[in-house]
Each structure stands twice: as C-alpha cells, then as structure tokens.
Amino acid sequence: MRPTRGLICSNHLSYLDILVYAAATPCVFVSKREVRRWPAFGLLARCGGTIFVNRQSRTNTAEATREIGAVLETGVPVLLFPEGTSTDGTEVERFHPTLLEPAVERVAEMTAAAIGYRAHAVEECDLCWFGDAPFLSHLLLTLGCENVLAEVEFFPDRNVYSDRKSAALELREQVAAMRQRMKREAMA
C-alpha cells in the first residue's frame, strides 16, 4: 500500500524514477540543485514543488531540511533518494542520513520504497542513467526499448525513528531486500 504521508526513501536508478513515482503516489520530491536547470525536467520539477539541494553547501542543506519539514507538516509525502545519486541497480548504496532529520524531529513515518525496471532484450542496468552517461543518448536508447516495465514496491511497515542514522541503516536494508526480490522475480 502506498504511503499517504511522511518521508519515502527509495533507491535511485534514473531520471525515469521521478516520472514513475509521480504516477504512483502524490508527493514532493527532493532533488539535486542541478535538476532545476534541466530542459523540460527542470521546469516540471519546479512546477511540482521539488525541494532542491546543493549538496556542496551545508547552509543550503539546512534550508532544504527546513523545507522538507514544512512539507511534512502539511501531510504531503516527501520522496527522497538518500543514496544521493543514481546507480546501475547492482547494489543499493549507503543511505545518507542528513535529510532524514526533519522526519525524526517531527516523529513522522518513514517508508522504504524500491524501484526497478525491465524491458524486452535489455538489461536493467541499460535502463539506469548513472555516472557520466550522456543524457540524450540514454533517453533515445530508452525510448527505443520495447515493453519497458517499471516496478515500484513500498515496504509494508511505516516506522518512526528516534535518530536519523539508525533510520538510514534500516531503510537501506529494507530497500535492498525489496530490490533483491525484484531481481529474483525478473529472472524467473
């Protein structure tokens, strides 16, 4: 069941994640500052109320945590990718705990979520946009794939945590377990 409030923490594979989650559940996204200037995606992100974070600035991170807290107080879910970057889907990277603090302070529920992709004759890693892969060529490759399927799973339990570090560890474990299940099912 999809969460209706609190902080949602997911792995991150591609720019497609935003489109898929936006279709799956109403939420406000947290994104790196650079997305603000992307053609089309930046405009959509700004219109959707995305909270932008300059990961190199502690002052800006503090401002982002205040914004996350304000949205949480309205009852609208906030979706965060605590890995801090998109990956090839092989492993769920360490979750950075800093942006979990607003949920801890407000005793807000946190939900683990996992996303994955499948397509005919294409490996999941080919659908992931990570590292310094050129955007346009990746987008064209993805648009050329047949039968692309996105899968989203929300962990069934909603938890409240007393500290952000234990939250980051447990949420990451839950996401990793869901991703392993997704991969097993994709191979079956």
N, C-alpha and C. Protein backbone atom coordinates (compact mmCIF):
# COMPACT_ATOMS: atom_id res chain seq x y z
N MET A 1 0.84 -1.18 0.00
CA MET A 1 0.00 0.00 0.00
C MET A 1 0.89 1.25 0.00
N ARG A 2 0.54 2.19 -0.82
CA ARG A 2 1.36 3.39 -0.92
C ARG A 2 1.17 4.28 0.32
N PRO A 3 2.25 4.93 0.73
CA PRO A 3 2.15 5.83 1.89
C PRO A 3 1.39 7.11 1.52
N THR A 4 0.68 7.65 2.47
CA THR A 4 -0.09 8.87 2.24
C THR A 4 0.48 10.07 3.00
N ARG A 5 1.53 9.84 3.75
CA ARG A 5 2.18 10.93 4.49
C ARG A 5 3.59 10.47 4.87
N GLY A 6 4.36 11.38 5.41
CA GLY A 6 5.70 11.04 5.89
C GLY A 6 6.76 11.09 4.81
N LEU A 7 7.90 10.52 5.13
CA LEU A 7 9.07 10.52 4.25
C LEU A 7 9.19 9.16 3.57
N ILE A 8 9.32 9.18 2.26
CA ILE A 8 9.51 7.96 1.47
C ILE A 8 10.96 7.94 1.01
N CYS A 9 11.66 6.85 1.28
CA CYS A 9 13.08 6.73 0.93
C CYS A 9 13.27 5.59 -0.06
N SER A 10 13.81 5.92 -1.24
CA SER A 10 13.93 4.95 -2.32
C SER A 10 15.35 4.89 -2.87
N ASN A 11 15.65 3.74 -3.50
CA ASN A 11 16.85 3.67 -4.32
C ASN A 11 16.62 4.57 -5.53
N HIS A 12 17.69 4.83 -6.28
CA HIS A 12 17.59 5.77 -7.40
C HIS A 12 18.34 5.20 -8.60
N LEU A 13 17.62 5.01 -9.71
CA LEU A 13 18.22 4.39 -10.89
C LEU A 13 18.28 5.31 -12.11
N SER A 14 17.37 6.27 -12.20
CA SER A 14 17.27 7.04 -13.43
C SER A 14 16.38 8.26 -13.24
N TYR A 15 16.44 9.16 -14.20
CA TYR A 15 15.50 10.28 -14.26
C TYR A 15 14.07 9.75 -14.40
N LEU A 16 13.93 8.54 -14.92
CA LEU A 16 12.60 7.93 -15.06
C LEU A 16 11.93 7.71 -13.70
N ASP A 17 12.73 7.55 -12.65
CA ASP A 17 12.19 7.31 -11.31
C ASP A 17 11.17 8.38 -10.92
N ILE A 18 11.48 9.62 -11.27
CA ILE A 18 10.60 10.73 -10.90
C ILE A 18 9.24 10.57 -11.57
N LEU A 19 9.27 10.25 -12.86
CA LEU A 19 8.01 10.09 -13.60
C LEU A 19 7.20 8.93 -13.04
N VAL A 20 7.86 7.84 -12.72
CA VAL A 20 7.17 6.66 -12.21
C VAL A 20 6.57 6.94 -10.83
N TYR A 21 7.37 7.51 -9.93
CA TYR A 21 6.84 7.81 -8.60
C TYR A 21 5.74 8.87 -8.64
N ALA A 22 5.88 9.85 -9.53
CA ALA A 22 4.84 10.87 -9.64
C ALA A 22 3.52 10.24 -10.07
N ALA A 23 3.58 9.20 -10.89
CA ALA A 23 2.37 8.49 -11.31
C ALA A 23 1.84 7.57 -10.21
N ALA A 24 2.75 7.08 -9.36
CA ALA A 24 2.37 6.10 -8.34
C ALA A 24 1.75 6.72 -7.09
N THR A 25 2.22 7.90 -6.71
CA THR A 25 1.72 8.50 -5.48
C THR A 25 1.97 10.00 -5.49
N PRO A 26 1.03 10.79 -4.97
CA PRO A 26 1.29 12.22 -4.88
C PRO A 26 2.38 12.46 -3.85
N CYS A 27 3.34 13.30 -4.21
CA CYS A 27 4.44 13.58 -3.28
C CYS A 27 5.22 14.79 -3.77
N VAL A 28 6.06 15.30 -2.89
CA VAL A 28 7.02 16.34 -3.23
C VAL A 28 8.38 15.66 -3.26
N PHE A 29 9.15 15.93 -4.30
CA PHE A 29 10.47 15.32 -4.46
C PHE A 29 11.57 16.20 -3.89
N VAL A 30 12.66 15.54 -3.50
CA VAL A 30 13.89 16.23 -3.13
C VAL A 30 14.90 15.87 -4.21
N SER A 31 15.55 16.88 -4.77
CA SER A 31 16.45 16.65 -5.90
C SER A 31 17.70 17.51 -5.78
N LYS A 32 18.74 17.08 -6.46
CA LYS A 32 19.95 17.90 -6.51
C LYS A 32 19.66 19.19 -7.26
N ARG A 33 20.34 20.23 -6.88
CA ARG A 33 20.11 21.58 -7.40
C ARG A 33 20.22 21.65 -8.92
N GLU A 34 21.11 20.87 -9.51
CA GLU A 34 21.37 20.94 -10.95
C GLU A 34 20.12 20.64 -11.78
N VAL A 35 19.21 19.83 -11.24
CA VAL A 35 18.00 19.45 -11.98
C VAL A 35 17.14 20.68 -12.28
N ARG A 36 17.22 21.67 -11.44
CA ARG A 36 16.44 22.91 -11.62
C ARG A 36 16.65 23.50 -13.01
N ARG A 37 17.85 23.35 -13.56
CA ARG A 37 18.19 23.95 -14.85
C ARG A 37 18.05 23.00 -16.05
N TRP A 38 17.64 21.77 -15.82
CA TRP A 38 17.49 20.83 -16.93
C TRP A 38 16.30 21.23 -17.81
N PRO A 39 16.47 21.11 -19.12
CA PRO A 39 15.32 21.37 -20.00
C PRO A 39 14.18 20.38 -19.68
N ALA A 40 13.00 20.82 -19.75
CA ALA A 40 11.76 20.04 -19.52
C ALA A 40 11.70 19.48 -18.10
N PHE A 41 12.62 18.63 -17.70
CA PHE A 41 12.59 18.03 -16.36
C PHE A 41 12.70 19.10 -15.27
N GLY A 42 13.53 20.10 -15.49
CA GLY A 42 13.69 21.18 -14.52
C GLY A 42 12.41 21.98 -14.35
N LEU A 43 11.77 22.27 -15.47
CA LEU A 43 10.51 23.01 -15.41
C LEU A 43 9.44 22.20 -14.68
N LEU A 44 9.34 20.91 -15.01
CA LEU A 44 8.36 20.06 -14.33
C LEU A 44 8.67 19.96 -12.83
N ALA A 45 9.94 19.85 -12.50
CA ALA A 45 10.33 19.76 -11.09
C ALA A 45 9.96 21.03 -10.33
N ARG A 46 10.24 22.17 -10.92
CA ARG A 46 9.90 23.44 -10.27
C ARG A 46 8.39 23.57 -10.11
N CYS A 47 7.64 23.22 -11.15
CA CYS A 47 6.17 23.32 -11.08
C CYS A 47 5.59 22.36 -10.05
N GLY A 48 6.27 21.23 -9.82
CA GLY A 48 5.79 20.23 -8.87
C GLY A 48 6.19 20.51 -7.44
N GLY A 49 6.89 21.62 -7.19
CA GLY A 49 7.27 21.97 -5.83
C GLY A 49 8.50 21.24 -5.31
N THR A 50 9.31 20.70 -6.20
CA THR A 50 10.52 19.98 -5.79
C THR A 50 11.39 20.84 -4.87
N ILE A 51 11.94 20.19 -3.87
CA ILE A 51 12.90 20.84 -2.97
C ILE A 51 14.28 20.55 -3.52
N PHE A 52 15.02 21.59 -3.86
CA PHE A 52 16.34 21.43 -4.46
C PHE A 52 17.42 21.58 -3.40
N VAL A 53 18.44 20.71 -3.50
CA VAL A 53 19.53 20.69 -2.52
C VAL A 53 20.85 20.89 -3.22
N ASN A 54 21.63 21.83 -2.73
CA ASN A 54 23.02 21.97 -3.15
C ASN A 54 23.83 21.11 -2.18
N ARG A 55 24.24 19.97 -2.63
CA ARG A 55 24.91 19.01 -1.75
C ARG A 55 26.28 19.47 -1.28
N GLN A 56 26.81 20.53 -1.90
CA GLN A 56 28.12 21.04 -1.50
C GLN A 56 28.02 22.14 -0.44
N SER A 57 26.81 22.53 -0.09
CA SER A 57 26.62 23.65 0.83
C SER A 57 25.85 23.22 2.07
N ARG A 58 26.49 23.31 3.22
CA ARG A 58 25.80 22.97 4.47
C ARG A 58 24.65 23.93 4.75
N THR A 59 24.83 25.19 4.40
CA THR A 59 23.77 26.17 4.61
C THR A 59 22.56 25.81 3.77
N ASN A 60 22.79 25.44 2.52
CA ASN A 60 21.68 25.07 1.65
C ASN A 60 21.03 23.78 2.12
N THR A 61 21.83 22.82 2.60
CA THR A 61 21.27 21.58 3.12
C THR A 61 20.37 21.88 4.32
N ALA A 62 20.79 22.79 5.17
CA ALA A 62 19.96 23.17 6.31
C ALA A 62 18.64 23.79 5.84
N GLU A 63 18.70 24.61 4.80
CA GLU A 63 17.48 25.20 4.24
C GLU A 63 16.58 24.10 3.67
N ALA A 64 17.17 23.12 2.99
CA ALA A 64 16.39 22.02 2.42
C ALA A 64 15.72 21.21 3.53
N THR A 65 16.41 21.00 4.65
CA THR A 65 15.79 20.24 5.74
C THR A 65 14.60 21.02 6.32
N ARG A 66 14.71 22.34 6.37
CA ARG A 66 13.57 23.16 6.83
C ARG A 66 12.40 23.02 5.86
N GLU A 67 12.69 23.04 4.56
CA GLU A 67 11.64 22.90 3.56
C GLU A 67 10.98 21.52 3.64
N ILE A 68 11.78 20.49 3.82
CA ILE A 68 11.24 19.13 3.96
C ILE A 68 10.31 19.08 5.18
N GLY A 69 10.76 19.65 6.28
CA GLY A 69 9.94 19.68 7.49
C GLY A 69 8.63 20.40 7.27
N ALA A 70 8.66 21.51 6.56
CA ALA A 70 7.44 22.27 6.31
C ALA A 70 6.45 21.45 5.47
N VAL A 71 6.96 20.74 4.48
CA VAL A 71 6.07 19.90 3.65
C VAL A 71 5.52 18.75 4.48
N LEU A 72 6.36 18.12 5.29
CA LEU A 72 5.89 17.02 6.15
C LEU A 72 4.75 17.48 7.06
N GLU A 73 4.85 18.70 7.55
CA GLU A 73 3.82 19.23 8.44
C GLU A 73 2.49 19.44 7.72
N THR A 74 2.50 19.57 6.40
CA THR A 74 1.24 19.72 5.65
C THR A 74 0.56 18.39 5.43
N GLY A 75 1.29 17.28 5.68
CA GLY A 75 0.72 15.96 5.47
C GLY A 75 0.99 15.38 4.09
N VAL A 76 1.67 16.12 3.24
CA VAL A 76 2.02 15.62 1.90
C VAL A 76 3.30 14.79 2.02
N PRO A 77 3.34 13.60 1.41
CA PRO A 77 4.56 12.79 1.47
C PRO A 77 5.72 13.48 0.74
N VAL A 78 6.91 13.26 1.26
CA VAL A 78 8.14 13.76 0.63
C VAL A 78 8.94 12.53 0.20
N LEU A 79 9.36 12.52 -1.08
CA LEU A 79 10.14 11.40 -1.60
C LEU A 79 11.59 11.82 -1.77
N LEU A 80 12.46 11.01 -1.19
CA LEU A 80 13.89 11.30 -1.14
C LEU A 80 14.67 10.09 -1.64
N PHE A 81 15.76 10.35 -2.35
CA PHE A 81 16.68 9.29 -2.78
C PHE A 81 17.94 9.42 -1.93
N PRO A 82 17.99 8.77 -0.76
CA PRO A 82 19.09 9.00 0.18
C PRO A 82 20.45 8.46 -0.25
N GLU A 83 20.50 7.73 -1.38
CA GLU A 83 21.82 7.32 -1.89
C GLU A 83 22.58 8.56 -2.37
N GLY A 84 21.83 9.59 -2.75
CA GLY A 84 22.46 10.83 -3.18
C GLY A 84 22.85 10.83 -4.64
N THR A 85 22.63 9.76 -5.34
CA THR A 85 22.96 9.66 -6.76
C THR A 85 22.21 8.49 -7.36
N SER A 86 22.12 8.47 -8.67
CA SER A 86 21.53 7.30 -9.32
C SER A 86 22.63 6.26 -9.55
N THR A 87 22.22 5.00 -9.62
CA THR A 87 23.18 3.90 -9.74
C THR A 87 22.78 2.97 -10.88
N ASP A 88 23.61 1.95 -11.10
CA ASP A 88 23.31 0.96 -12.14
C ASP A 88 22.38 -0.14 -11.65
N GLY A 89 21.93 -0.06 -10.41
CA GLY A 89 20.98 -1.02 -9.87
C GLY A 89 21.58 -2.29 -9.30
N THR A 90 22.89 -2.44 -9.42
CA THR A 90 23.54 -3.65 -8.91
C THR A 90 23.39 -3.76 -7.40
N GLU A 91 23.65 -2.68 -6.72
CA GLU A 91 23.59 -2.63 -5.24
C GLU A 91 22.84 -1.39 -4.82
N VAL A 92 22.25 -1.44 -3.64
CA VAL A 92 21.69 -0.23 -3.04
C VAL A 92 22.81 0.38 -2.22
N GLU A 93 23.20 1.57 -2.58
CA GLU A 93 24.31 2.25 -1.91
C GLU A 93 23.90 2.71 -0.51
N ARG A 94 24.89 3.13 0.26
CA ARG A 94 24.67 3.68 1.60
C ARG A 94 23.67 4.83 1.53
N PHE A 95 22.76 4.88 2.49
CA PHE A 95 21.81 5.99 2.60
C PHE A 95 22.45 7.08 3.46
N HIS A 96 22.49 8.28 2.93
CA HIS A 96 23.00 9.43 3.70
C HIS A 96 21.88 9.90 4.63
N PRO A 97 22.17 10.05 5.91
CA PRO A 97 21.10 10.32 6.88
C PRO A 97 20.67 11.77 7.05
N THR A 98 21.43 12.74 6.57
CA THR A 98 21.17 14.15 6.88
C THR A 98 19.73 14.58 6.61
N LEU A 99 19.21 14.26 5.43
CA LEU A 99 17.88 14.75 5.06
C LEU A 99 16.74 13.94 5.68
N LEU A 100 17.09 12.94 6.52
CA LEU A 100 16.07 12.21 7.27
C LEU A 100 15.70 12.93 8.56
N GLU A 101 16.54 13.89 8.96
CA GLU A 101 16.34 14.59 10.23
C GLU A 101 14.97 15.24 10.39
N PRO A 102 14.42 15.89 9.36
CA PRO A 102 13.09 16.51 9.56
C PRO A 102 12.02 15.50 9.96
N ALA A 103 12.09 14.29 9.43
CA ALA A 103 11.10 13.26 9.80
C ALA A 103 11.34 12.80 11.23
N VAL A 104 12.59 12.67 11.64
CA VAL A 104 12.90 12.27 13.01
C VAL A 104 12.38 13.33 13.98
N GLU A 105 12.68 14.60 13.69
CA GLU A 105 12.26 15.70 14.57
C GLU A 105 10.74 15.78 14.71
N ARG A 106 10.02 15.45 13.66
CA ARG A 106 8.55 15.58 13.67
C ARG A 106 7.84 14.27 13.99
N VAL A 107 8.63 13.25 14.34
CA VAL A 107 8.09 11.93 14.63
C VAL A 107 7.18 11.49 13.48
N ALA A 108 7.66 11.72 12.27
CA ALA A 108 6.91 11.37 11.07
C ALA A 108 7.26 9.95 10.62
N GLU A 109 6.29 9.29 10.04
CA GLU A 109 6.54 7.96 9.50
C GLU A 109 7.54 8.03 8.35
N MET A 110 8.35 6.97 8.27
CA MET A 110 9.25 6.82 7.13
C MET A 110 8.96 5.48 6.49
N THR A 111 8.95 5.48 5.16
CA THR A 111 8.64 4.29 4.40
C THR A 111 9.75 4.01 3.41
N ALA A 112 10.22 2.77 3.37
CA ALA A 112 11.18 2.34 2.36
C ALA A 112 10.42 2.03 1.08
N ALA A 113 11.02 2.39 -0.05
CA ALA A 113 10.43 2.09 -1.35
C ALA A 113 11.54 1.65 -2.29
N ALA A 114 11.19 0.76 -3.20
CA ALA A 114 12.17 0.29 -4.18
C ALA A 114 11.59 0.43 -5.57
N ILE A 115 12.46 0.78 -6.51
CA ILE A 115 12.06 0.89 -7.90
C ILE A 115 13.00 0.05 -8.74
N GLY A 116 12.46 -0.54 -9.79
CA GLY A 116 13.25 -1.34 -10.71
C GLY A 116 12.63 -1.29 -12.10
N TYR A 117 13.41 -1.71 -13.09
CA TYR A 117 12.97 -1.67 -14.48
C TYR A 117 13.25 -2.98 -15.18
N ARG A 118 12.41 -3.27 -16.16
CA ARG A 118 12.61 -4.42 -17.05
C ARG A 118 12.20 -4.00 -18.46
N ALA A 119 12.82 -4.60 -19.44
CA ALA A 119 12.42 -4.39 -20.84
C ALA A 119 12.84 -5.60 -21.65
N HIS A 120 12.18 -5.79 -22.75
CA HIS A 120 12.48 -6.91 -23.64
C HIS A 120 13.90 -6.76 -24.19
N ALA A 121 14.72 -7.78 -24.00
CA ALA A 121 16.07 -7.89 -24.57
C ALA A 121 17.04 -6.80 -24.08
N VAL A 122 16.76 -6.23 -22.93
CA VAL A 122 17.63 -5.18 -22.37
C VAL A 122 17.83 -5.46 -20.89
N GLU A 123 19.04 -5.32 -20.43
CA GLU A 123 19.34 -5.48 -19.00
C GLU A 123 18.87 -4.23 -18.25
N GLU A 124 18.54 -4.41 -16.98
CA GLU A 124 18.10 -3.27 -16.18
C GLU A 124 19.15 -2.16 -16.17
N CYS A 125 20.42 -2.53 -16.07
CA CYS A 125 21.48 -1.51 -15.99
C CYS A 125 21.50 -0.61 -17.24
N ASP A 126 21.00 -1.13 -18.37
CA ASP A 126 20.94 -0.30 -19.58
C ASP A 126 19.85 0.75 -19.48
N LEU A 127 18.86 0.51 -18.65
CA LEU A 127 17.78 1.48 -18.44
C LEU A 127 18.12 2.48 -17.33
N CYS A 128 19.16 2.18 -16.56
CA CYS A 128 19.60 3.08 -15.49
C CYS A 128 20.47 4.19 -16.08
N TRP A 129 20.29 5.39 -15.56
CA TRP A 129 21.11 6.52 -16.01
C TRP A 129 21.98 6.91 -14.82
N PHE A 130 23.27 6.69 -14.94
CA PHE A 130 24.17 6.88 -13.81
C PHE A 130 25.54 7.31 -14.30
N GLY A 131 26.37 7.72 -13.35
CA GLY A 131 27.72 8.15 -13.69
C GLY A 131 27.69 9.35 -14.62
N ASP A 132 28.52 9.33 -15.64
CA ASP A 132 28.56 10.46 -16.57
C ASP A 132 27.99 10.09 -17.94
N ALA A 133 27.02 9.18 -17.94
CA ALA A 133 26.37 8.78 -19.19
C ALA A 133 25.66 10.00 -19.79
N PRO A 134 25.84 10.22 -21.10
CA PRO A 134 25.16 11.35 -21.75
C PRO A 134 23.64 11.18 -21.71
N PHE A 135 22.96 12.24 -21.34
CA PHE A 135 21.51 12.17 -21.17
C PHE A 135 20.78 11.85 -22.47
N LEU A 136 21.03 12.60 -23.52
CA LEU A 136 20.25 12.45 -24.74
C LEU A 136 20.40 11.06 -25.34
N SER A 137 21.61 10.54 -25.41
CA SER A 137 21.78 9.20 -25.98
C SER A 137 21.09 8.14 -25.12
N HIS A 138 21.12 8.34 -23.79
CA HIS A 138 20.43 7.39 -22.91
C HIS A 138 18.91 7.48 -23.10
N LEU A 139 18.40 8.68 -23.20
CA LEU A 139 16.97 8.86 -23.41
C LEU A 139 16.53 8.20 -24.72
N LEU A 140 17.29 8.40 -25.79
CA LEU A 140 16.95 7.80 -27.08
C LEU A 140 17.00 6.27 -27.01
N LEU A 141 18.00 5.73 -26.32
CA LEU A 141 18.09 4.27 -26.14
C LEU A 141 16.86 3.76 -25.40
N THR A 142 16.49 4.46 -24.33
CA THR A 142 15.34 4.05 -23.53
C THR A 142 14.05 4.12 -24.33
N LEU A 143 13.88 5.19 -25.08
CA LEU A 143 12.67 5.33 -25.89
C LEU A 143 12.59 4.26 -26.97
N GLY A 144 13.73 3.72 -27.37
CA GLY A 144 13.76 2.68 -28.39
C GLY A 144 13.53 1.28 -27.85
N CYS A 145 13.46 1.14 -26.54
CA CYS A 145 13.26 -0.19 -25.93
C CYS A 145 11.80 -0.61 -26.03
N GLU A 146 11.60 -1.91 -26.17
CA GLU A 146 10.24 -2.46 -26.22
C GLU A 146 9.82 -2.96 -24.84
N ASN A 147 8.56 -2.78 -24.55
CA ASN A 147 7.95 -3.33 -23.34
C ASN A 147 8.69 -2.96 -22.05
N VAL A 148 8.97 -1.69 -21.89
CA VAL A 148 9.62 -1.23 -20.65
C VAL A 148 8.59 -1.30 -19.52
N LEU A 149 8.98 -1.93 -18.45
CA LEU A 149 8.12 -2.08 -17.29
C LEU A 149 8.84 -1.50 -16.08
N ALA A 150 8.18 -0.60 -15.38
CA ALA A 150 8.71 -0.07 -14.12
C ALA A 150 7.94 -0.73 -12.99
N GLU A 151 8.67 -1.10 -11.94
CA GLU A 151 8.05 -1.70 -10.77
C GLU A 151 8.40 -0.87 -9.55
N VAL A 152 7.39 -0.55 -8.77
CA VAL A 152 7.58 0.18 -7.51
C VAL A 152 6.99 -0.67 -6.40
N GLU A 153 7.72 -0.78 -5.33
CA GLU A 153 7.22 -1.50 -4.16
C GLU A 153 7.44 -0.64 -2.92
N PHE A 154 6.42 -0.53 -2.10
CA PHE A 154 6.53 0.18 -0.84
C PHE A 154 6.59 -0.86 0.27
N PHE A 155 7.55 -0.69 1.17
CA PHE A 155 7.66 -1.61 2.30
C PHE A 155 6.36 -1.53 3.10
N PRO A 156 5.84 -2.66 3.55
CA PRO A 156 4.52 -2.64 4.20
C PRO A 156 4.48 -1.91 5.54
N ASP A 157 5.60 -1.84 6.23
CA ASP A 157 5.61 -1.18 7.54
C ASP A 157 6.04 0.27 7.41
N ARG A 158 5.38 1.13 8.15
CA ARG A 158 5.77 2.54 8.28
C ARG A 158 6.39 2.66 9.66
N ASN A 159 7.59 3.20 9.72
CA ASN A 159 8.27 3.29 11.01
C ASN A 159 8.58 4.73 11.38
N VAL A 160 8.65 4.96 12.66
CA VAL A 160 9.09 6.23 13.22
C VAL A 160 10.43 5.93 13.88
N TYR A 161 11.40 6.78 13.66
CA TYR A 161 12.76 6.54 14.17
C TYR A 161 13.16 7.65 15.13
N SER A 162 13.98 7.29 16.12
CA SER A 162 14.44 8.27 17.09
C SER A 162 15.74 8.94 16.66
N ASP A 163 16.43 8.37 15.67
CA ASP A 163 17.63 9.04 15.15
C ASP A 163 17.81 8.71 13.68
N ARG A 164 18.39 9.64 12.98
CA ARG A 164 18.49 9.52 11.52
C ARG A 164 19.47 8.45 11.06
N LYS A 165 20.50 8.17 11.85
CA LYS A 165 21.49 7.17 11.42
C LYS A 165 20.90 5.76 11.44
N SER A 166 20.18 5.43 12.50
CA SER A 166 19.54 4.10 12.53
C SER A 166 18.44 4.03 11.47
N ALA A 167 17.76 5.14 11.23
CA ALA A 167 16.74 5.18 10.17
C ALA A 167 17.39 4.88 8.82
N ALA A 168 18.50 5.53 8.53
CA ALA A 168 19.19 5.33 7.25
C ALA A 168 19.61 3.88 7.07
N LEU A 169 20.15 3.28 8.12
CA LEU A 169 20.58 1.88 8.03
C LEU A 169 19.41 0.93 7.80
N GLU A 170 18.35 1.08 8.57
CA GLU A 170 17.22 0.16 8.44
C GLU A 170 16.47 0.36 7.12
N LEU A 171 16.26 1.60 6.73
CA LEU A 171 15.58 1.86 5.47
C LEU A 171 16.37 1.31 4.28
N ARG A 172 17.68 1.46 4.31
CA ARG A 172 18.52 0.91 3.25
C ARG A 172 18.41 -0.61 3.18
N GLU A 173 18.41 -1.25 4.35
CA GLU A 173 18.26 -2.72 4.38
C GLU A 173 16.92 -3.15 3.78
N GLN A 174 15.86 -2.43 4.10
CA GLN A 174 14.53 -2.75 3.57
C GLN A 174 14.49 -2.58 2.05
N VAL A 175 15.08 -1.49 1.56
CA VAL A 175 15.11 -1.26 0.11
C VAL A 175 15.94 -2.34 -0.57
N ALA A 176 17.08 -2.68 0.01
CA ALA A 176 17.94 -3.71 -0.58
C ALA A 176 17.21 -5.05 -0.66
N ALA A 177 16.45 -5.39 0.36
CA ALA A 177 15.70 -6.65 0.36
C ALA A 177 14.62 -6.64 -0.74
N MET A 178 13.93 -5.53 -0.88
CA MET A 178 12.91 -5.44 -1.94
C MET A 178 13.56 -5.52 -3.33
N ARG A 179 14.72 -4.89 -3.49
CA ARG A 179 15.42 -4.94 -4.78
C ARG A 179 15.87 -6.36 -5.10
N GLN A 180 16.34 -7.09 -4.12
CA GLN A 180 16.75 -8.48 -4.35
C GLN A 180 15.56 -9.32 -4.80
N ARG A 181 14.42 -9.11 -4.17
CA ARG A 181 13.22 -9.83 -4.57
C ARG A 181 12.84 -9.48 -6.00
N MET A 182 12.90 -8.22 -6.35
CA MET A 182 12.59 -7.77 -7.72
C MET A 182 13.50 -8.46 -8.73
N LYS A 183 14.77 -8.52 -8.42
CA LYS A 183 15.74 -9.14 -9.34
C LYS A 183 15.46 -10.64 -9.49
N ARG A 184 15.15 -11.31 -8.39
CA ARG A 184 14.83 -12.75 -8.46
C ARG A 184 13.60 -12.98 -9.33
N GLU A 185 12.57 -12.17 -9.13
CA GLU A 185 11.35 -12.32 -9.92
C GLU A 185 11.58 -12.02 -11.40
N ALA A 186 12.46 -11.07 -11.68
CA ALA A 186 12.76 -10.72 -13.07
C ALA A 186 13.48 -11.88 -13.78
N MET A 187 14.25 -12.65 -13.02
CA MET A 187 14.99 -13.76 -13.60
C MET A 187 14.13 -15.01 -13.75
N ALA A 188 13.03 -15.07 -13.03
CA ALA A 188 12.16 -16.28 -13.06
C ALA A 188 11.37 -16.37 -14.34
